[in-house]
Amino acid sequence: MTKAVIIKVNFTKCIIAFLFILNGKITAQNLESKNVISNQLKWSERMALSIMKRAPKAWQIDNNEKPKWDYKLGLAMMSFEQLYKKTKNPIYLEYAKDYADSAINEKGEILNYKLEDYNIDNINAGKILFDLYDSTKEQRYLIAMQTLRKQLDTHPRTNSGGFWHKKIYPYQMWLDGLYMGAPFYARYTTVFENGTAFDDIAKQFEEIHKHTLDPKTGLLFHAWDESKQMGWANKETGTSPNFWSRSIGWYMMALTDVLDYMPKDHPKRKELIRYLNDISKAVLKYQDKSGLWYQVTDAGNKKGNYLEASGSEMFVYAFAKGYNKGYLPENYKKAALKGFNGIIKELITLDSDGEIHITQVCASAGLGGNPYRDGSYEYYIGEKIKVDNSHGLGPFILAALELEK
């Protein structure tokens, strides 16, 4: 072999080797890019993909160590179902289905669920089962829905007809509970009962509105104790002492979601729309210049108060959906956009790989219990503040979808 031929062969080998290495780099880059979340996607998908990246299984959200039936996870999975409807990307529906299957066995039995606990929170995750049953016809989902509906038949009530928040909190109605129970109840009675329960559903809103409304601010107190026996309860009215934004957000989301199912000719429909307008007007007065709302709604810059993510997201969702559905006037769409932009600017952080995080989420808040929660201002601002807590995930996606962000 001549020297020229040898040089040509070696040059060709070098070119092939270079192309192989280059191709390897490109392949590696392609593989790596699969873990990068594009900033060209809408915020709803960016959040969903970030959640899936941190928690490959939905039950792992909040760093849970094992699957469980949980109202917060139910809220997050409902947002994934709504995202699937908008994008038609099956990964979002599969993520929600995988969660349902981790918590409901083939017999339709729900993990860690006890009907006799009479915990209204346990109803919420059942909302994701309607679409799953429609698309798969798996009996486990129907059985689980029937179980949850059965709980409402015997769930303890106040003397005036409102569902107790939990059996361990007798004679108490919390704003949170309207979201946990009423939208599931409304969809179930629409699908399976020809809408026979809407009078009872409206009753729940009437009771909470009647007993928690503060005529001075137009806001709703977090809870009401009919017995007036709890230490946090006002001895004359039975109300808790402060306004907590997330609890009001739960109530507003409950109104907008129940109205999806309440028949247009139902005599209580206009009443619920009026409730939504009244509370929206009150909440709008307390929107900060940033577009956000404070943990204790009416306390503004009072020492220790902070701009809280989940309540702000819920208000944005209710404003945007209320406008989109024709329940609220146009100024609420503008307020919703201002709020969402504030969330992005003030509360969202971004990793180099495109993963996003929601900050300043109140981890949890309630009343009574052990250790005792007294509902004071100091109590609400003293609860843990977390990043990527599940309370702030689902509402972000739902708000973004309503605004097509």
Protein backbone atom coordinates (compact mmCIF):
# COMPACT_ATOMS: atom_id res chain seq x y z
CA MET A 1 0.00 0.00 0.00
CA THR A 2 1.44 3.35 -1.01
CA LYS A 3 2.05 6.15 1.43
CA ALA A 4 -0.66 8.26 -0.27
CA VAL A 5 -3.23 5.49 0.08
CA ILE A 6 -2.36 4.98 3.74
CA ILE A 7 -2.77 8.69 4.41
CA LYS A 8 -6.15 8.69 2.60
CA VAL A 9 -7.37 5.65 4.56
CA ASN A 10 -6.30 7.13 7.89
CA PHE A 11 -7.93 10.45 6.97
CA THR A 12 -11.17 8.61 6.16
CA LYS A 13 -11.02 6.74 9.49
CA CYS A 14 -10.51 10.04 11.28
CA ILE A 15 -13.52 11.56 9.55
CA ILE A 16 -15.65 8.51 10.45
CA ALA A 17 -14.44 8.61 14.04
CA PHE A 18 -15.14 12.33 14.24
CA LEU A 19 -18.64 11.87 12.86
CA PHE A 20 -19.25 9.01 15.29
CA ILE A 21 -18.14 11.16 18.23
CA LEU A 22 -20.15 14.11 16.95
CA ASN A 23 -23.19 11.91 16.49
CA GLY A 24 -22.72 10.60 20.00
CA LYS A 25 -22.66 14.13 21.32
CA ILE A 26 -25.77 15.02 19.37
CA THR A 27 -27.53 11.90 20.65
CA ALA A 28 -26.51 12.73 24.18
CA GLN A 29 -27.73 16.27 23.72
CA ASN A 30 -31.02 14.95 22.39
CA LEU A 31 -31.39 12.66 25.38
CA GLU A 32 -30.51 15.48 27.70
CA SER A 33 -32.97 17.80 25.98
CA LYS A 34 -35.77 15.42 26.88
CA ASN A 35 -35.20 16.48 30.49
CA VAL A 36 -35.26 20.16 29.62
CA ILE A 37 -38.61 21.90 29.91
CA SER A 38 -39.03 24.37 27.08
CA ASN A 39 -39.85 27.95 27.90
CA GLN A 40 -41.86 28.00 24.67
CA LEU A 41 -44.58 25.92 26.34
CA LYS A 42 -47.48 27.53 28.15
CA TRP A 43 -47.13 27.96 31.89
CA SER A 44 -49.74 25.25 32.52
CA GLU A 45 -47.59 22.62 30.80
CA ARG A 46 -44.36 23.93 32.24
CA MET A 47 -45.76 23.45 35.73
CA ALA A 48 -47.19 20.00 34.94
CA LEU A 49 -43.91 18.78 33.47
CA SER A 50 -42.01 20.20 36.44
CA ILE A 51 -44.29 18.31 38.81
CA MET A 52 -43.78 15.07 36.86
CA LYS A 53 -40.03 15.59 36.85
CA ARG A 54 -39.91 15.93 40.63
CA ALA A 55 -42.49 13.22 41.26
CA PRO A 56 -42.52 10.50 38.56
CA LYS A 57 -45.47 9.01 40.43
CA ALA A 58 -48.16 11.47 41.45
CA TRP A 59 -48.41 10.09 44.98
CA GLN A 60 -44.78 11.22 45.49
CA ILE A 61 -45.83 14.88 45.38
CA ASP A 62 -45.06 16.55 48.75
CA ASN A 63 -42.39 13.88 49.21
CA ASN A 64 -44.96 11.32 50.33
CA GLU A 65 -43.36 7.97 51.07
CA LYS A 66 -46.29 5.84 49.91
CA PRO A 67 -49.57 6.15 48.00
CA LYS A 68 -52.57 7.61 49.78
CA TRP A 69 -56.04 9.00 49.01
CA ASP A 70 -55.64 12.71 49.55
CA TYR A 71 -57.62 15.85 48.73
CA LYS A 72 -54.52 17.81 47.69
CA LEU A 73 -53.39 15.12 45.26
CA GLY A 74 -56.94 14.93 43.96
CA LEU A 75 -56.84 18.66 43.24
CA ALA A 76 -53.53 18.32 41.41
CA MET A 77 -54.77 15.38 39.35
CA MET A 78 -57.93 17.21 38.41
CA SER A 79 -55.75 19.96 36.98
CA PHE A 80 -53.88 17.31 34.96
CA GLU A 81 -57.17 16.02 33.56
CA GLN A 82 -58.12 19.54 32.53
CA LEU A 83 -54.70 19.99 30.95
CA TYR A 84 -55.21 16.78 28.97
CA LYS A 85 -58.53 18.08 27.66
CA LYS A 86 -56.78 21.24 26.45
CA THR A 87 -53.62 19.66 24.98
CA LYS A 88 -54.76 16.10 24.13
CA ASN A 89 -51.34 14.95 25.34
CA PRO A 90 -51.97 11.49 26.89
CA ILE A 91 -49.09 11.75 29.38
CA TYR A 92 -51.21 14.05 31.55
CA LEU A 93 -54.22 11.76 31.66
CA GLU A 94 -51.99 8.74 32.29
CA TYR A 95 -50.36 10.52 35.23
CA ALA A 96 -53.77 11.10 36.80
CA LYS A 97 -54.91 7.55 36.05
CA ASP A 98 -51.78 6.13 37.61
CA TYR A 99 -52.55 8.07 40.78
CA ALA A 100 -56.11 6.77 40.89
CA ASP A 101 -54.89 3.21 40.40
CA SER A 102 -52.35 3.60 43.20
CA ALA A 103 -55.16 4.49 45.62
CA ILE A 104 -58.08 2.35 44.38
CA ASN A 105 -57.78 -1.42 44.05
CA GLU A 106 -59.56 -3.61 41.49
CA LYS A 107 -62.49 -4.06 43.88
CA GLY A 108 -63.02 -0.32 44.02
CA GLU A 109 -61.78 -0.05 47.61
CA ILE A 110 -60.11 3.25 48.44
CA LEU A 111 -56.77 3.21 50.21
CA ASN A 112 -56.78 4.60 53.78
CA TYR A 113 -60.45 5.63 53.40
CA LYS A 114 -62.99 5.06 56.17
CA LEU A 115 -66.54 6.20 55.53
CA GLU A 116 -67.22 6.37 59.26
CA ASP A 117 -64.57 9.10 59.64
CA TYR A 118 -67.03 11.41 57.89
CA ASN A 119 -64.24 13.63 56.63
CA ILE A 120 -65.50 15.92 53.86
CA ASP A 121 -61.90 16.26 52.58
CA ASN A 122 -62.04 12.63 51.46
CA ILE A 123 -64.67 13.43 48.84
CA ASN A 124 -62.51 15.79 46.81
CA ALA A 125 -60.22 13.33 45.01
CA GLY A 126 -63.32 11.54 43.75
CA LYS A 127 -63.72 14.30 41.14
CA ILE A 128 -61.04 12.74 38.98
CA LEU A 129 -62.95 9.45 38.69
CA PHE A 130 -65.75 10.67 36.43
CA ASP A 131 -63.54 11.19 33.39
CA LEU A 132 -61.55 8.03 34.11
CA TYR A 133 -64.73 5.99 34.26
CA ASP A 134 -66.06 7.59 31.08
CA SER A 135 -62.90 6.76 29.16
CA THR A 136 -62.18 3.27 30.54
CA LYS A 137 -65.47 1.93 31.96
CA GLU A 138 -63.42 0.31 34.72
CA GLN A 139 -65.83 -0.64 37.48
CA ARG A 140 -63.35 0.24 40.22
CA TYR A 141 -63.89 3.94 39.50
CA LEU A 142 -67.67 3.65 39.58
CA ILE A 143 -67.61 1.69 42.83
CA ALA A 144 -65.31 4.26 44.44
CA MET A 145 -67.59 7.12 43.34
CA GLN A 146 -70.60 5.29 44.75
CA THR A 147 -68.79 4.85 48.06
CA LEU A 148 -68.04 8.56 48.29
CA ARG A 149 -71.60 9.46 47.38
CA LYS A 150 -72.85 7.08 50.06
CA GLN A 151 -70.84 9.00 52.65
CA LEU A 152 -72.86 12.12 51.88
CA ASP A 153 -76.10 10.29 52.63
CA THR A 154 -75.19 9.82 56.29
CA HIS A 155 -72.60 12.57 56.77
CA PRO A 156 -73.34 14.46 60.02
CA ARG A 157 -74.91 17.88 59.62
CA THR A 158 -75.49 21.02 61.60
CA ASN A 159 -79.04 21.49 62.87
CA SER A 160 -79.56 23.87 59.99
CA GLY A 161 -78.50 21.29 57.38
CA GLY A 162 -74.85 21.97 56.59
CA PHE A 163 -72.27 19.19 56.36
CA TRP A 164 -69.85 19.05 59.29
CA HIS A 165 -66.28 19.50 58.14
CA LYS A 166 -65.26 16.29 59.88
CA LYS A 167 -66.71 14.00 62.50
CA ILE A 168 -63.93 15.12 64.84
CA TYR A 169 -65.08 18.75 64.34
CA PRO A 170 -68.75 18.52 65.33
CA TYR A 171 -71.20 21.25 64.30
CA GLN A 172 -68.50 23.04 62.31
CA MET A 173 -68.63 24.21 58.71
CA TRP A 174 -65.39 25.41 57.09
CA LEU A 175 -65.14 27.27 53.78
CA ASP A 176 -62.70 24.57 52.65
CA GLY A 177 -65.44 21.97 52.90
CA LEU A 178 -67.56 23.58 50.18
CA TYR A 179 -64.86 22.82 47.63
CA MET A 180 -64.20 19.37 49.02
CA GLY A 181 -67.78 18.16 48.75
CA ALA A 182 -70.05 20.32 46.62
CA PRO A 183 -68.55 20.01 43.09
CA PHE A 184 -68.33 16.21 43.40
CA TYR A 185 -71.90 16.13 44.72
CA ALA A 186 -73.05 18.35 41.83
CA ARG A 187 -71.45 16.25 39.11
CA TYR A 188 -72.59 12.97 40.66
CA THR A 189 -76.20 14.07 40.95
CA THR A 190 -76.09 15.34 37.35
CA VAL A 191 -74.62 12.12 35.92
CA PHE A 192 -76.36 9.50 38.04
CA GLU A 193 -79.37 11.10 39.78
CA ASN A 194 -80.99 13.42 37.23
CA GLY A 195 -79.94 16.44 39.30
CA THR A 196 -82.14 15.66 42.29
CA ALA A 197 -79.63 16.95 44.89
CA PHE A 198 -79.20 20.55 43.75
CA ASP A 199 -81.45 21.97 46.45
CA ASP A 200 -79.22 20.33 49.05
CA ILE A 201 -76.07 21.55 47.31
CA ALA A 202 -77.39 25.12 47.24
CA LYS A 203 -78.22 24.72 50.93
CA GLN A 204 -74.55 24.22 51.75
CA PHE A 205 -73.63 27.56 50.17
CA GLU A 206 -76.58 29.30 51.80
CA GLU A 207 -75.52 28.09 55.23
CA ILE A 208 -71.86 29.04 54.90
CA HIS A 209 -72.76 32.43 53.41
CA LYS A 210 -75.32 33.17 56.10
CA HIS A 211 -73.07 32.27 59.02
CA THR A 212 -69.56 33.35 57.92
CA LEU A 213 -70.21 36.62 56.04
CA ASP A 214 -68.67 39.71 57.59
CA PRO A 215 -70.93 42.65 56.62
CA LYS A 216 -68.12 45.16 57.18
CA THR A 217 -65.61 43.76 54.67
CA GLY A 218 -67.82 41.48 52.57
CA LEU A 219 -65.30 38.69 53.21
CA LEU A 220 -66.10 35.29 54.73
CA PHE A 221 -64.55 34.07 57.94
CA HIS A 222 -62.73 30.75 57.72
CA ALA A 223 -65.27 28.73 59.68
CA TRP A 224 -68.43 28.66 61.77
CA ASP A 225 -69.20 26.61 64.88
CA GLU A 226 -72.93 26.22 65.29
CA SER A 227 -72.47 25.10 68.90
CA LYS A 228 -70.24 28.11 69.71
CA GLN A 229 -68.27 25.81 72.00
CA MET A 230 -64.85 25.98 70.31
CA GLY A 231 -62.27 28.29 71.80
CA TRP A 232 -61.79 30.00 68.45
CA ALA A 233 -65.53 30.64 67.99
CA ASN A 234 -67.10 34.04 68.56
CA LYS A 235 -69.54 33.52 71.44
CA GLU A 236 -72.28 35.47 69.65
CA THR A 237 -71.84 34.45 66.00
CA GLY A 238 -69.82 31.23 66.18
CA THR A 239 -67.37 32.47 63.54
CA SER A 240 -63.61 32.10 63.60
CA PRO A 241 -61.74 35.39 64.07
CA ASN A 242 -59.84 35.93 60.80
CA PHE A 243 -59.99 35.86 57.02
CA TRP A 244 -57.68 33.29 55.42
CA SER A 245 -57.20 33.76 51.69
CA ARG A 246 -56.97 30.09 50.77
CA SER A 247 -60.19 29.27 52.57
CA ILE A 248 -62.00 32.02 50.66
CA GLY A 249 -60.34 30.69 47.51
CA TRP A 250 -61.72 27.22 48.18
CA TYR A 251 -65.20 28.73 48.49
CA MET A 252 -64.90 30.73 45.26
CA MET A 253 -63.62 27.75 43.29
CA ALA A 254 -66.49 25.69 44.67
CA LEU A 255 -69.00 28.22 43.38
CA THR A 256 -67.55 28.38 39.87
CA ASP A 257 -67.24 24.59 39.61
CA VAL A 258 -70.73 23.78 40.94
CA LEU A 259 -72.22 26.20 38.43
CA ASP A 260 -70.83 23.97 35.67
CA TYR A 261 -73.52 21.47 36.58
CA MET A 262 -76.40 23.40 38.13
CA PRO A 263 -79.22 23.61 35.56
CA LYS A 264 -79.79 27.06 34.08
CA ASP A 265 -83.44 26.95 35.16
CA HIS A 266 -82.73 25.95 38.76
CA PRO A 267 -84.19 28.59 41.11
CA LYS A 268 -80.97 28.72 43.19
CA ARG A 269 -78.57 29.27 40.27
CA LYS A 270 -78.91 33.07 40.31
CA GLU A 271 -78.32 33.04 44.05
CA LEU A 272 -74.99 31.24 43.66
CA ILE A 273 -73.93 33.63 40.89
CA ARG A 274 -74.78 36.51 43.22
CA TYR A 275 -72.65 34.94 45.96
CA LEU A 276 -69.76 34.72 43.49
CA ASN A 277 -70.15 38.37 42.51
CA ASP A 278 -70.39 39.49 46.13
CA ILE A 279 -67.29 37.69 47.32
CA SER A 280 -65.36 38.62 44.17
CA LYS A 281 -66.11 42.30 44.78
CA ALA A 282 -64.88 42.00 48.37
CA VAL A 283 -61.73 40.07 47.44
CA LEU A 284 -60.83 42.49 44.64
CA LYS A 285 -60.58 45.33 47.16
CA TYR A 286 -57.67 43.54 48.84
CA GLN A 287 -55.60 42.76 45.72
CA ASP A 288 -52.07 44.06 46.30
CA LYS A 289 -50.34 46.29 43.74
CA SER A 290 -48.24 43.22 42.85
CA GLY A 291 -51.43 41.47 41.76
CA LEU A 292 -51.26 39.04 44.67
CA TRP A 293 -53.14 38.61 47.94
CA TYR A 294 -51.91 38.26 51.49
CA GLN A 295 -52.14 35.16 53.66
CA VAL A 296 -54.50 37.02 56.03
CA THR A 297 -56.62 38.69 53.40
CA ASP A 298 -57.46 42.03 54.95
CA ALA A 299 -54.27 42.60 56.95
CA GLY A 300 -52.12 44.02 54.14
CA ASN A 301 -48.63 44.90 55.28
CA LYS A 302 -49.21 44.04 58.91
CA LYS A 303 -46.05 42.61 60.44
CA GLY A 304 -45.50 38.96 59.51
CA ASN A 305 -48.13 38.83 56.78
CA TYR A 306 -46.96 37.71 53.34
CA LEU A 307 -48.16 37.39 49.76
CA GLU A 308 -49.36 33.79 49.59
CA ALA A 309 -49.37 31.63 46.45
CA SER A 310 -52.30 29.23 46.74
CA GLY A 311 -54.93 31.77 47.76
CA SER A 312 -53.77 34.12 45.01
CA GLU A 313 -53.98 31.31 42.42
CA MET A 314 -57.47 30.36 43.53
CA PHE A 315 -58.68 33.95 43.26
CA VAL A 316 -57.17 34.20 39.78
CA TYR A 317 -58.88 30.97 38.75
CA ALA A 318 -62.26 32.04 40.10
CA PHE A 319 -62.03 35.51 38.52
CA ALA A 320 -60.94 34.14 35.14
CA LYS A 321 -63.43 31.29 35.03
CA GLY A 322 -66.19 33.52 36.38
CA TYR A 323 -65.56 35.93 33.51
CA ASN A 324 -65.18 33.19 30.89
CA LYS A 325 -68.50 31.66 31.93
CA GLY A 326 -70.30 35.00 31.94
CA TYR A 327 -70.84 35.20 35.71
CA LEU A 328 -68.48 38.14 36.33
CA PRO A 329 -67.87 41.39 34.41
CA GLU A 330 -64.76 42.15 32.36
CA ASN A 331 -62.80 43.91 35.10
CA TYR A 332 -62.30 40.53 36.79
CA LYS A 333 -60.52 39.17 33.71
CA LYS A 334 -58.12 42.11 34.00
CA ALA A 335 -57.67 41.45 37.72
CA ALA A 336 -57.01 37.77 36.97
CA LEU A 337 -54.32 38.65 34.42
CA LYS A 338 -52.73 41.05 36.88
CA GLY A 339 -52.78 38.34 39.52
CA PHE A 340 -51.28 35.68 37.28
CA ASN A 341 -48.53 38.02 36.10
CA GLY A 342 -47.81 38.77 39.75
CA ILE A 343 -47.51 35.05 40.50
CA ILE A 344 -45.00 34.61 37.69
CA LYS A 345 -42.98 37.68 38.65
CA GLU A 346 -42.99 37.34 42.43
CA LEU A 347 -43.45 33.63 43.22
CA ILE A 348 -42.11 31.48 40.38
CA THR A 349 -38.45 30.47 40.33
CA LEU A 350 -36.73 28.83 37.36
CA ASP A 351 -33.98 26.20 37.20
CA SER A 352 -31.42 26.02 34.40
CA ASP A 353 -33.19 22.97 32.92
CA GLY A 354 -36.50 24.82 32.68
CA GLU A 355 -38.05 23.29 35.79
CA ILE A 356 -40.25 25.81 37.61
CA HIS A 357 -41.12 26.10 41.29
CA ILE A 358 -43.90 27.88 43.14
CA THR A 359 -42.80 29.60 46.36
CA GLN A 360 -44.58 31.06 49.40
CA VAL A 361 -47.24 28.38 49.72
CA CYS A 362 -48.87 28.01 53.13
CA ALA A 363 -48.35 24.32 53.86
CA SER A 364 -51.50 23.86 55.92
CA ALA A 365 -53.92 25.71 58.17
CA GLY A 366 -56.99 24.71 60.12
CA LEU A 367 -58.81 25.20 63.40
CA GLY A 368 -58.90 23.27 66.66
CA GLY A 369 -57.17 19.90 66.78
CA ASN A 370 -54.05 18.95 68.69
CA PRO A 371 -51.85 20.98 68.90
CA TYR A 372 -54.64 23.53 69.13
CA ARG A 373 -55.09 26.01 66.30
CA ASP A 374 -56.82 29.13 67.58
CA GLY A 375 -57.44 30.96 64.30
CA SER A 376 -55.55 34.05 65.46
CA TYR A 377 -53.59 36.29 63.13
CA GLU A 378 -50.39 34.98 64.69
CA TYR A 379 -51.50 31.43 63.99
CA TYR A 380 -52.08 31.96 60.25
CA ILE A 381 -48.78 33.76 59.64
CA GLY A 382 -46.94 31.23 61.80
CA GLU A 383 -47.82 28.13 59.79
CA LYS A 384 -45.03 26.67 57.64
CA ILE A 385 -44.35 28.26 54.27
CA LYS A 386 -43.12 25.85 51.61
CA VAL A 387 -41.92 25.61 48.02
CA ASP A 388 -43.87 23.34 45.64
CA ASN A 389 -46.40 22.35 48.26
CA SER A 390 -49.32 20.62 46.56
CA HIS A 391 -51.81 23.32 47.58
CA GLY A 392 -50.02 25.61 45.14
CA LEU A 393 -49.69 23.22 42.19
CA GLY A 394 -53.17 22.33 40.98
CA PRO A 395 -54.58 25.85 41.33
CA PHE A 396 -51.65 27.25 39.32
CA ILE A 397 -52.41 24.92 36.40
CA LEU A 398 -56.16 25.57 36.61
CA ALA A 399 -55.64 29.34 36.68
CA ALA A 400 -53.21 29.16 33.75
CA LEU A 401 -55.68 27.11 31.71
CA GLU A 402 -58.48 29.60 32.28
CA LEU A 403 -56.18 32.36 31.06
CA GLU A 404 -54.59 30.13 28.39
CA LYS A 405 -51.19 30.83 29.84
